[in-house]
Protein backbone atom coordinates (compact mmCIF):
# COMPACT_ATOMS: atom_id res chain seq x y z
CA MET A 1 10.97 -8.21 8.15
CA ALA A 2 11.75 -5.03 10.02
CA PHE A 3 11.07 -2.44 7.39
CA ASN A 4 7.72 -0.69 7.19
CA GLY A 5 7.06 -0.12 3.50
CA LEU A 6 4.61 2.71 4.12
CA ALA A 7 7.02 4.69 6.22
CA THR A 8 9.95 4.36 3.86
CA HIS A 9 8.33 4.86 0.46
CA GLN A 10 9.40 8.14 -1.07
CA ILE A 11 8.34 9.96 -4.21
CA SER A 12 11.19 11.95 -5.70
CA ARG A 13 10.50 15.57 -4.92
CA PRO A 14 9.85 18.22 -7.53
CA SER A 15 9.62 21.88 -6.63
CA THR A 16 6.62 22.93 -4.54
CA GLN A 17 5.17 24.74 -7.55
CA SER A 18 5.24 21.67 -9.75
CA LEU A 19 4.27 19.16 -7.06
CA HIS A 20 0.57 19.03 -7.83
CA ALA A 21 1.09 18.43 -11.52
CA PHE A 22 3.78 15.83 -10.79
CA VAL A 23 1.80 13.77 -8.28
CA ALA A 24 -1.45 14.17 -10.18
CA ALA A 25 0.26 12.71 -13.23
CA ARG A 26 1.27 9.67 -11.16
CA VAL A 27 -2.20 9.40 -9.66
CA ASN A 28 -3.96 9.64 -13.01
CA GLY A 29 -1.55 7.23 -14.66
CA VAL A 30 -0.11 9.65 -17.18
CA SER A 31 3.47 8.98 -18.22
CA GLY A 32 5.34 9.18 -21.45
CA ARG A 33 8.04 6.70 -20.53
CA ARG A 34 6.18 3.76 -19.03
CA SER A 35 3.14 1.64 -19.70
CA ARG A 36 0.17 2.32 -17.46
CA LEU A 37 -2.95 0.38 -16.65
CA VAL A 38 -6.09 2.41 -16.06
CA VAL A 39 -9.31 0.50 -15.45
CA GLN A 40 -12.59 2.32 -15.09
CA MET A 41 -13.54 1.71 -11.49
CA ALA A 42 -17.14 1.15 -10.44
CA LYS A 43 -17.04 3.83 -7.74
CA LYS A 44 -17.60 7.54 -8.23
CA SER A 45 -14.45 9.62 -7.96
CA VAL A 46 -13.76 13.14 -6.79
CA GLY A 47 -12.80 13.85 -10.40
CA ASP A 48 -16.46 13.28 -11.34
CA LEU A 49 -17.44 16.32 -9.25
CA THR A 50 -17.39 19.65 -11.08
CA LYS A 51 -16.81 23.18 -9.83
CA SER A 52 -20.55 23.69 -9.61
CA ASP A 53 -20.77 20.56 -7.42
CA LEU A 54 -17.99 21.75 -5.11
CA GLU A 55 -17.92 25.52 -4.89
CA GLY A 56 -19.07 26.69 -1.47
CA LYS A 57 -19.68 23.12 -0.28
CA THR A 58 -18.00 21.64 2.79
CA VAL A 59 -16.19 18.40 2.00
CA LEU A 60 -15.09 15.91 4.66
CA VAL A 61 -11.90 14.22 3.41
CA ARG A 62 -10.52 11.10 5.07
CA ALA A 63 -6.81 11.00 4.22
CA ASP A 64 -3.95 8.93 5.61
CA LEU A 65 -1.75 11.48 7.39
CA ASN A 66 -0.24 8.85 9.69
CA VAL A 67 3.28 10.18 9.19
CA PRO A 68 6.31 8.99 11.17
CA LEU A 69 7.54 11.49 13.76
CA ASN A 70 10.81 11.70 15.70
CA LYS A 71 11.09 12.34 19.44
CA ASP A 72 10.79 16.08 18.78
CA LEU A 73 7.52 15.46 16.91
CA GLU A 74 9.10 16.39 13.59
CA ILE A 75 7.97 14.63 10.42
CA THR A 76 10.66 12.24 9.16
CA ASP A 77 8.82 11.16 5.99
CA ASP A 78 6.04 13.25 4.42
CA THR A 79 5.08 10.73 1.71
CA ARG A 80 1.53 10.31 2.99
CA ILE A 81 0.97 14.05 3.11
CA ARG A 82 2.22 14.52 -0.43
CA ALA A 83 0.07 11.62 -1.63
CA ALA A 84 -3.04 13.46 -0.38
CA ILE A 85 -2.23 16.72 -2.19
CA PRO A 86 -3.85 16.03 -5.62
CA THR A 87 -7.26 15.45 -4.04
CA LEU A 88 -6.95 18.40 -1.67
CA LYS A 89 -5.71 20.68 -4.43
CA TYR A 90 -8.56 19.68 -6.72
CA LEU A 91 -11.10 20.45 -4.01
CA THR A 92 -9.61 23.79 -2.97
CA ASP A 93 -9.05 24.89 -6.57
CA ASN A 94 -12.75 24.27 -7.19
CA GLY A 95 -13.85 26.38 -4.23
CA ALA A 96 -14.67 23.66 -1.71
CA LYS A 97 -14.25 24.11 2.03
CA VAL A 98 -12.26 21.11 3.24
CA LEU A 99 -12.50 19.34 6.61
CA LEU A 100 -9.49 17.04 6.64
CA THR A 101 -9.49 14.06 8.96
CA SER A 102 -7.02 11.25 9.69
CA HIS A 103 -5.60 9.03 12.40
CA LEU A 104 -2.02 9.21 13.68
CA GLY A 105 -0.31 6.49 15.67
CA ARG A 106 -2.11 4.29 18.18
CA PRO A 107 -3.51 6.40 21.01
CA LYS A 108 -4.86 4.13 23.73
CA ASP A 109 -7.11 6.19 25.95
CA GLY A 110 -8.17 9.56 24.59
CA PRO A 111 -6.03 12.52 23.50
CA GLU A 112 -2.24 12.30 23.72
CA ASP A 113 -0.10 15.25 22.64
CA LYS A 114 2.39 13.02 20.81
CA PHE A 115 -0.41 11.82 18.53
CA ARG A 116 -1.90 15.21 17.65
CA LEU A 117 -1.98 16.17 13.98
CA ASN A 118 -0.36 19.57 14.61
CA PRO A 119 2.93 18.68 12.84
CA VAL A 120 1.20 18.08 9.50
CA VAL A 121 -0.33 21.57 9.26
CA PRO A 122 2.78 23.56 8.21
CA ARG A 123 3.71 20.93 5.62
CA LEU A 124 0.19 20.89 4.20
CA GLN A 125 0.20 24.69 4.00
CA GLU A 126 3.48 24.57 2.09
CA LEU A 127 2.43 21.84 -0.32
CA LEU A 128 -0.95 23.39 -1.06
CA GLY A 129 0.83 26.51 -2.27
CA GLY A 130 -1.11 29.25 -0.57
CA ALA A 131 -4.39 27.70 0.51
CA LYS A 132 -5.17 28.63 4.09
CA VAL A 133 -4.78 25.65 6.45
CA SER A 134 -5.98 25.83 10.04
CA LYS A 135 -6.30 23.24 12.82
CA ALA A 136 -9.03 22.26 15.27
CA ASP A 137 -8.27 20.60 18.61
CA ASP A 138 -11.11 18.12 18.22
CA SER A 139 -12.81 16.16 15.45
CA ILE A 140 -16.41 16.79 16.60
CA GLY A 141 -18.29 19.23 18.78
CA PRO A 142 -19.00 22.97 19.00
CA GLU A 143 -15.42 24.12 18.32
CA VAL A 144 -15.30 22.16 15.07
CA ALA A 145 -18.77 23.37 14.07
CA GLY A 146 -17.75 27.00 14.59
CA ALA A 147 -14.44 26.64 12.76
CA ALA A 148 -16.13 24.83 9.87
CA LYS A 149 -18.76 27.54 9.55
CA ALA A 150 -16.01 30.19 9.43
CA LEU A 151 -14.14 28.49 6.58
CA GLY A 152 -13.87 30.37 3.31
CA ASN A 153 -13.97 28.76 -0.11
CA GLY A 154 -10.69 26.99 -0.88
CA GLU A 155 -9.64 26.76 2.79
CA VAL A 156 -8.70 23.66 4.79
CA LEU A 157 -9.44 22.82 8.41
CA VAL A 158 -7.46 19.87 9.83
CA LEU A 159 -9.52 18.03 12.42
CA GLU A 160 -7.88 16.28 15.35
CA ASN A 161 -6.86 12.61 15.37
CA VAL A 162 -10.07 10.58 15.01
CA ARG A 163 -8.63 7.76 17.11
CA PHE A 164 -8.75 9.96 20.19
CA TYR A 165 -12.29 8.58 20.28
CA LYS A 166 -12.66 4.82 20.77
CA GLU A 167 -15.91 5.20 18.84
CA GLU A 168 -13.85 5.67 15.66
CA THR A 169 -12.54 2.10 15.50
CA GLU A 170 -15.85 0.79 16.85
CA ASN A 171 -17.59 2.45 13.87
CA ASP A 172 -20.05 4.00 16.30
CA PRO A 173 -22.98 5.56 14.38
CA GLY A 174 -23.29 8.43 16.84
CA TYR A 175 -19.65 9.46 16.39
CA ALA A 176 -19.89 9.02 12.62
CA GLU A 177 -22.95 11.27 12.50
CA LYS A 178 -21.19 13.97 14.54
CA LEU A 179 -18.13 13.71 12.27
CA ALA A 180 -20.35 14.16 9.22
CA ALA A 181 -22.50 16.90 10.74
CA ASN A 182 -20.51 19.85 9.38
CA ALA A 183 -20.06 18.57 5.82
CA ASP A 184 -22.06 18.20 2.61
CA ILE A 185 -19.85 15.73 0.72
CA TYR A 186 -17.48 12.90 1.72
CA VAL A 187 -14.22 11.89 0.00
CA ASN A 188 -12.22 8.83 1.08
CA ASP A 189 -8.60 9.08 -0.01
CA ALA A 190 -7.11 6.80 2.67
CA PHE A 191 -6.43 3.48 0.93
CA GLY A 192 -4.28 2.27 3.82
CA THR A 193 -7.35 2.17 6.08
CA ALA A 194 -9.98 1.28 3.47
CA HIS A 195 -9.97 -2.33 4.69
CA ARG A 196 -11.25 -1.16 8.09
CA ALA A 197 -14.91 -0.40 8.77
CA HIS A 198 -14.30 2.62 10.98
CA ALA A 199 -16.49 5.64 11.59
CA SER A 200 -14.36 7.90 9.38
CA THR A 201 -14.02 5.36 6.54
CA GLU A 202 -17.41 3.64 6.44
CA GLY A 203 -19.76 5.09 9.05
CA VAL A 204 -19.85 8.64 7.71
CA THR A 205 -21.07 7.47 4.29
CA LYS A 206 -24.47 6.79 5.85
CA PHE A 207 -24.86 10.50 6.51
CA LEU A 208 -23.21 12.16 3.50
CA ARG A 209 -24.01 12.02 -0.20
CA PRO A 210 -22.21 12.01 -2.47
CA SER A 211 -19.51 9.82 -0.91
CA VAL A 212 -16.70 9.34 -3.43
CA ALA A 213 -13.13 8.09 -3.83
CA GLY A 214 -10.18 10.47 -3.84
CA PHE A 215 -7.53 10.34 -6.56
CA LEU A 216 -5.11 8.21 -4.52
CA LEU A 217 -7.75 5.65 -3.60
CA GLN A 218 -8.91 5.55 -7.22
CA LYS A 219 -5.37 4.92 -8.43
CA GLU A 220 -4.92 2.01 -6.02
CA LEU A 221 -8.13 0.42 -7.24
CA ASP A 222 -7.24 1.01 -10.89
CA TYR A 223 -3.93 -0.79 -10.49
CA LEU A 224 -4.48 -3.47 -7.86
CA ASP A 225 -8.06 -4.43 -8.61
CA GLY A 226 -7.68 -3.67 -12.31
CA ALA A 227 -4.56 -5.78 -12.69
CA VAL A 228 -6.19 -8.76 -11.05
CA THR A 229 -9.52 -8.57 -12.86
CA GLN A 230 -8.30 -7.44 -16.30
CA PRO A 231 -4.58 -8.27 -16.54
CA LYS A 232 -2.43 -8.01 -19.61
CA ARG A 233 -0.95 -11.49 -20.04
CA PRO A 234 1.27 -13.29 -19.29
CA PHE A 235 0.36 -12.31 -15.73
CA VAL A 236 3.02 -13.19 -13.11
CA ALA A 237 2.78 -12.94 -9.33
CA ILE A 238 5.89 -12.84 -7.14
CA VAL A 239 5.08 -13.69 -3.53
CA GLY A 240 7.72 -13.58 -0.80
CA GLY A 241 8.04 -13.05 2.90
CA SER A 242 8.84 -15.20 5.87
CA LYS A 243 5.66 -17.22 6.37
CA VAL A 244 3.17 -19.05 4.19
CA SER A 245 0.48 -18.34 6.79
CA SER A 246 0.57 -14.58 6.17
CA LYS A 247 0.15 -15.02 2.40
CA ILE A 248 -2.28 -17.96 2.18
CA GLY A 249 -5.14 -15.83 0.93
CA VAL A 250 -3.03 -14.04 -1.66
CA ILE A 251 -1.52 -17.26 -3.04
CA GLU A 252 -4.89 -19.03 -3.16
CA SER A 253 -6.51 -16.09 -4.92
CA LEU A 254 -3.72 -15.45 -7.41
CA ILE A 255 -3.44 -19.12 -8.41
CA ASN A 256 -6.89 -18.64 -9.95
CA LYS A 257 -5.78 -15.62 -11.97
CA VAL A 258 -2.08 -15.74 -12.91
CA ASP A 259 -0.12 -17.64 -15.53
CA LYS A 260 2.95 -18.02 -13.31
CA ILE A 261 3.59 -17.70 -9.59
CA ILE A 262 7.11 -17.19 -8.23
CA LEU A 263 7.79 -17.85 -4.55
CA GLY A 264 10.68 -16.57 -2.45
CA GLY A 265 11.51 -15.62 1.13
CA GLY A 266 11.34 -17.80 4.21
CA MET A 267 8.09 -19.42 3.11
CA ILE A 268 9.92 -21.52 0.48
CA PHE A 269 11.30 -23.86 3.14
CA THR A 270 7.82 -24.96 4.14
CA PHE A 271 7.24 -25.91 0.50
CA TYR A 272 10.62 -27.68 0.33
CA LYS A 273 9.88 -29.72 3.43
CA ALA A 274 6.43 -30.56 2.07
CA ARG A 275 8.26 -32.05 -0.91
CA GLY A 276 10.34 -34.17 1.46
CA MET A 277 13.53 -32.12 1.13
CA SER A 278 15.96 -31.36 3.96
CA VAL A 279 15.91 -27.69 5.02
CA GLY A 280 18.48 -27.65 7.85
CA SER A 281 17.47 -25.12 10.49
CA SER A 282 15.56 -22.91 8.05
CA LEU A 283 12.21 -21.43 9.04
CA VAL A 284 9.41 -23.96 8.56
CA GLU A 285 5.74 -23.80 9.52
CA GLU A 286 5.15 -27.44 10.41
CA ASP A 287 1.39 -26.98 10.57
CA LYS A 288 1.30 -25.66 7.00
CA LEU A 289 2.99 -28.58 5.22
CA GLU A 290 -0.28 -30.05 3.94
CA LEU A 291 -1.38 -26.59 2.85
CA ALA A 292 1.85 -26.16 0.89
CA LYS A 293 1.20 -29.46 -0.89
CA SER A 294 -2.37 -28.45 -1.70
CA LEU A 295 -1.34 -25.04 -3.07
CA GLU A 296 1.24 -26.60 -5.35
CA ALA A 297 -1.29 -29.22 -6.49
CA ALA A 298 -3.90 -26.53 -7.16
CA ALA A 299 -1.46 -24.60 -9.33
CA LYS A 300 -0.63 -27.73 -11.32
CA GLU A 301 -4.31 -28.53 -11.80
CA LYS A 302 -4.97 -25.05 -13.18
CA GLY A 303 -1.93 -25.08 -15.45
CA VAL A 304 -0.18 -22.34 -13.50
CA GLU A 305 3.61 -22.48 -13.57
CA PHE A 306 4.67 -22.77 -9.90
CA ILE A 307 8.29 -21.63 -9.53
CA LEU A 308 10.39 -22.23 -6.42
CA PRO A 309 14.07 -21.25 -6.04
CA THR A 310 16.58 -23.84 -7.25
CA ASP A 311 19.42 -22.66 -5.02
CA VAL A 312 19.67 -20.70 -1.79
CA ILE A 313 22.19 -18.67 0.17
CA ILE A 314 22.51 -20.25 3.59
CA ALA A 315 24.02 -19.03 6.85
CA ASP A 316 25.30 -20.64 10.02
CA LYS A 317 23.24 -18.20 12.11
CA PHE A 318 20.70 -15.40 11.73
CA ASP A 319 23.15 -12.52 11.74
CA ALA A 320 24.41 -9.84 9.36
CA GLU A 321 27.95 -11.18 9.78
CA ALA A 322 27.11 -14.88 9.52
CA ASN A 323 29.22 -17.30 7.50
CA THR A 324 27.49 -18.03 4.20
CA GLN A 325 27.55 -20.39 1.25
CA THR A 326 25.40 -20.99 -1.81
CA VAL A 327 23.94 -24.48 -2.19
CA SER A 328 21.36 -26.30 -4.26
CA ALA A 329 17.88 -26.17 -2.73
CA ASP A 330 18.07 -29.92 -2.10
CA ALA A 331 21.46 -29.76 -0.37
CA ILE A 332 20.97 -27.62 2.73
CA PRO A 333 23.14 -29.11 5.49
CA ASP A 334 21.99 -29.60 9.07
CA GLY A 335 22.51 -26.56 11.27
CA TRP A 336 22.39 -24.08 8.38
CA MET A 337 19.47 -21.84 7.47
CA GLY A 338 18.40 -20.34 4.14
CA LEU A 339 18.23 -16.54 4.17
CA ASP A 340 18.10 -15.61 0.47
CA ILE A 341 17.59 -17.08 -2.98
CA GLY A 342 20.74 -17.94 -4.92
CA PRO A 343 22.05 -16.67 -8.29
CA ASP A 344 20.66 -19.59 -10.30
CA SER A 345 17.22 -18.93 -8.80
CA LEU A 346 17.44 -15.26 -9.72
CA LYS A 347 18.28 -16.22 -13.31
CA THR A 348 15.32 -18.64 -13.35
CA PHE A 349 13.03 -15.90 -12.06
CA GLN A 350 14.35 -13.41 -14.62
CA ASP A 351 13.68 -15.89 -17.42
CA ALA A 352 10.16 -16.49 -16.13
CA LEU A 353 9.51 -12.73 -16.04
CA SER A 354 11.01 -11.96 -19.45
CA ASP A 355 7.73 -12.26 -21.40
CA SER A 356 5.45 -10.92 -18.66
CA LYS A 357 2.97 -8.12 -19.35
CA THR A 358 1.67 -7.70 -15.79
CA VAL A 359 3.64 -8.41 -12.60
CA ILE A 360 2.45 -8.05 -8.99
CA TRP A 361 5.13 -8.36 -6.31
CA ASN A 362 4.38 -8.74 -2.61
CA GLY A 363 7.10 -9.84 -0.21
CA PRO A 364 10.94 -9.91 -0.34
CA MET A 365 13.08 -12.82 -1.52
CA GLY A 366 15.27 -12.91 1.58
CA VAL A 367 16.39 -11.05 4.68
CA PHE A 368 17.23 -7.95 2.66
CA GLU A 369 17.92 -5.89 5.79
CA PHE A 370 21.25 -7.75 5.92
CA GLU A 371 23.48 -6.89 2.97
CA LYS A 372 24.67 -10.47 2.54
CA PHE A 373 21.10 -11.63 1.96
CA ALA A 374 19.71 -8.74 -0.11
CA ARG A 375 20.89 -9.74 -3.57
CA GLY A 376 17.82 -11.81 -4.47
CA THR A 377 15.37 -9.07 -3.51
CA TYR A 378 17.35 -6.33 -5.23
CA GLY A 379 17.83 -8.52 -8.28
CA VAL A 380 14.08 -8.93 -8.64
CA ALA A 381 13.61 -5.16 -8.18
CA GLU A 382 16.19 -4.44 -10.88
CA THR A 383 14.53 -6.91 -13.24
CA LEU A 384 11.12 -5.25 -12.81
CA ALA A 385 12.67 -1.81 -13.31
CA GLU A 386 14.07 -3.02 -16.64
CA LEU A 387 10.73 -4.50 -17.71
CA THR A 388 8.61 -1.41 -17.00
CA PRO A 389 9.85 0.74 -19.91
CA LYS A 390 9.36 -2.26 -22.21
CA GLY A 391 5.62 -2.18 -21.57
CA THR A 392 5.25 -4.52 -18.57
CA ILE A 393 2.92 -3.24 -15.85
CA THR A 394 4.89 -3.59 -12.62
CA ILE A 395 2.93 -3.30 -9.39
CA ILE A 396 4.56 -3.35 -5.95
CA GLY A 397 1.74 -4.53 -3.72
CA GLY A 398 2.59 -2.95 -0.40
CA GLY A 399 4.57 -4.05 2.64
CA ASP A 400 8.25 -4.94 2.68
CA SER A 401 8.44 -5.05 -1.12
CA VAL A 402 7.90 -1.30 -1.11
CA ALA A 403 10.70 -0.83 1.41
CA ALA A 404 13.02 -2.98 -0.69
CA VAL A 405 12.28 -1.17 -3.95
CA GLU A 406 12.72 2.16 -2.23
CA LYS A 407 15.98 1.10 -0.57
CA ALA A 408 17.23 -0.05 -3.98
CA GLY A 409 16.43 3.41 -5.38
CA LEU A 410 14.05 1.96 -7.98
CA ALA A 411 10.62 3.08 -6.76
CA ASP A 412 10.24 5.66 -9.52
CA GLN A 413 10.86 2.99 -12.14
CA MET A 414 7.80 0.89 -11.25
CA SER A 415 4.33 1.38 -12.70
CA HIS A 416 2.70 1.56 -9.30
CA ILE A 417 3.78 1.51 -5.66
CA SER A 418 0.90 0.70 -3.33
CA THR A 419 0.42 2.84 -0.23
CA GLY A 420 -1.45 0.21 1.77
CA GLY A 421 0.01 -2.94 3.29
CA GLY A 422 -3.02 -4.72 4.77
CA ALA A 423 -5.42 -3.12 2.30
CA SER A 424 -3.26 -4.22 -0.63
CA LEU A 425 -3.19 -7.82 0.59
CA GLU A 426 -6.93 -7.92 1.13
CA LEU A 427 -7.63 -6.45 -2.30
CA LEU A 428 -5.29 -8.98 -3.93
CA GLU A 429 -7.09 -11.71 -2.02
CA GLY A 430 -10.32 -10.57 -3.64
CA LYS A 431 -11.84 -9.30 -0.40
CA VAL A 432 -14.30 -6.42 -0.32
CA LEU A 433 -12.83 -3.34 1.38
CA PRO A 434 -15.51 -1.73 3.61
CA GLY A 435 -14.21 1.78 2.99
CA VAL A 436 -14.56 1.24 -0.77
CA ALA A 437 -17.85 -0.67 -0.73
CA ALA A 438 -19.52 2.19 1.14
CA LEU A 439 -18.80 4.74 -1.63
CA ASP A 440 -21.28 5.75 -4.32
CA GLU A 441 -21.47 3.69 -7.47
CA LYS A 442 -20.36 5.46 -10.62
């Protein structure tokens, strides 16, 4: 799928004055109109630090400020910046001096002007409502040390892109120590990179105590980890996307936890073929047929309802203007490919979701970038939006699902929208995230 869920996810914008309260309410799971799940996480949070802990202290914050920029280096979506504000505001309001670090883009060999963090400074200044925000041209070294020493209480210094140093992704201890050298406390609020053991996400924790989670990271753990380990039942997982291979770990893990699993997207044709059905020219991973059989057998053995689409919308070619027809899943003609679930399937899915209390959705139902093949994905999004105010916890677990919910205009009607694609998948798979494991226990 072409959409990048992180880049397209928006939070509806309140006024600058009310922004902190608005986003903090989302982060802390406070809402009068929807059910929320809040699980006490095992890691210490920035909210556990008091004014006496923070005032006058220098705090190194790892945020995810990897915002999309146009050719003029203007921010086209400030979601990631706004998501970092509750943690930054809490720190500055309590008199901390903040060193803010992040990556941006994929620099290959040292500093590149197009990947500098300069564009985020004015927006941060605006969103923080008066706190002084300055910028260093490096992330380590004498210039940073001098600028950090000159910071006043409640001020923010944005350090340069950490990936200008190859030592960042190598988790080099020397670079991590230099990054930590000017700080007293570490806060990780970058969930999107928490699955990477980098110098700024894992290495620095060896040199700074306390090392704690920011509000955004805490929220992700409360929802994603909390939903999987302590779900309200019935617990339903919706897994979509083009390939079984990219979701093996998630499906295997969730089969052990859910009451029902609903499959959609291109991966369904591998399951169909594994059942001996004809799939025309639909996408099939031939080397995953035995895996598909074993996953379905595992679900049956554990008493998990395993739901595949009963009908599909097929096309004579992969094109937005292709000829289409709706057929039963066992009647796909040669030369035609399935690109979306059909209306009977959507009704089946809606029935299966009707009594759910927790739903995790990762992956679209079809090629939703093309209008003709978006109905299944949008139908699922609309169903979840209707369930949320009835008390169902609806979690959009990153990736293209986020893009689809946002494009449908329904993001604000879900319990939680994850900010991390790869990190979300790994957490749902039950993997330990290095950036989380390195933080202090509560």
